[in-house]
Amino acid sequence: MPRIKQLLADGKLVRMFGVGQLFHPKIIEIVGEHGGFDALWLDAEHAGLSMKEIELATMASRHYGLDHFVRQPATDYASIMRSLEAGAGGVMISMVRTPEEAEQAVRWSKFYPRGERGMNGGNRDGRFGLTPYPEYVVQANAETFVGIQIETASAMASVAEIAAIPDVDLLFVGPADIRQVMGVPGDFENPKCLDAIEAIARACAEAGKPWGIVPRGPEYAERMRGWGCQMFVLAFDNHIIHAGIRSTKARYESFFE
């Protein structure tokens, strides 16, 4: 079983590193050399990663045992299918509004009998044609990760239904968009936002599904872990550049006076 699904099944934390704004395979290799992270969040929604970049990311991560998925909106079948054929371990579907949209994303990600994904087998996910079709179908259906982001008003209203959909592996909280939906952009600690996240956590617990979040800092992350959160996107490529610059300026403070 792939690393993300195995860790979730074992009740363990999944520590994610986000790649997108500053994509380069060497960034993934550096993250891998440091160790500690379990998987990559490849952002094709806000960063617009190309299929070639997704392929390069999956190739770079293989040596370090990093799992991965592509975050993207469910705008069309082809974008999901091509991410999977490029070698991504799964997809994280953003801006879902209804259980029907979540179900459709699952069907686009899975082969018969669960879904309607077109069969090729000649790309990276099928070992370029070396994996026999019967094995390819069973393996892909079992191993492909499907996450659904809960970040719209209608998705929050139907979160229990979405959590109950078979083969939805995880629900992911979009805290920035939840603030916007609640009419309090910028206020992560607003009680309305925290109540919404607690409601998502309860729905996941009742459905036996894990959930994830982008935390706002260590204390926030620990609070979410206490609420049952298992997946944390702990760093993004652009954030580590900011952190590195700040650290360097602090180290050589007298040179920046």
Foldseek 3Di string as FASTA:
>chain_A
DAQVLVCVVVLAFAEEEEEAQDDDLVVLLVDLVVDDHAAYEYECDVRNDDLVSLLSNQVSNVVSSHAYEYEEAPPDLVVQLSSVLSPHQAYEHEPDQELVSLQQSLQSQAPPPSHPHDDDLCGVLNVRNPNDPVRSRVVSNVGYAYEYEQQAPNCLVCLLSNLQDPRHAEYEYDQQSNCVNVVRHPCSPPPVSVVSVLSNLVSNVVNVHAYEYAAPDDVRVVVVVVSSHRYYHDYYPVRVVVVVVVVVCVVVVVVVD
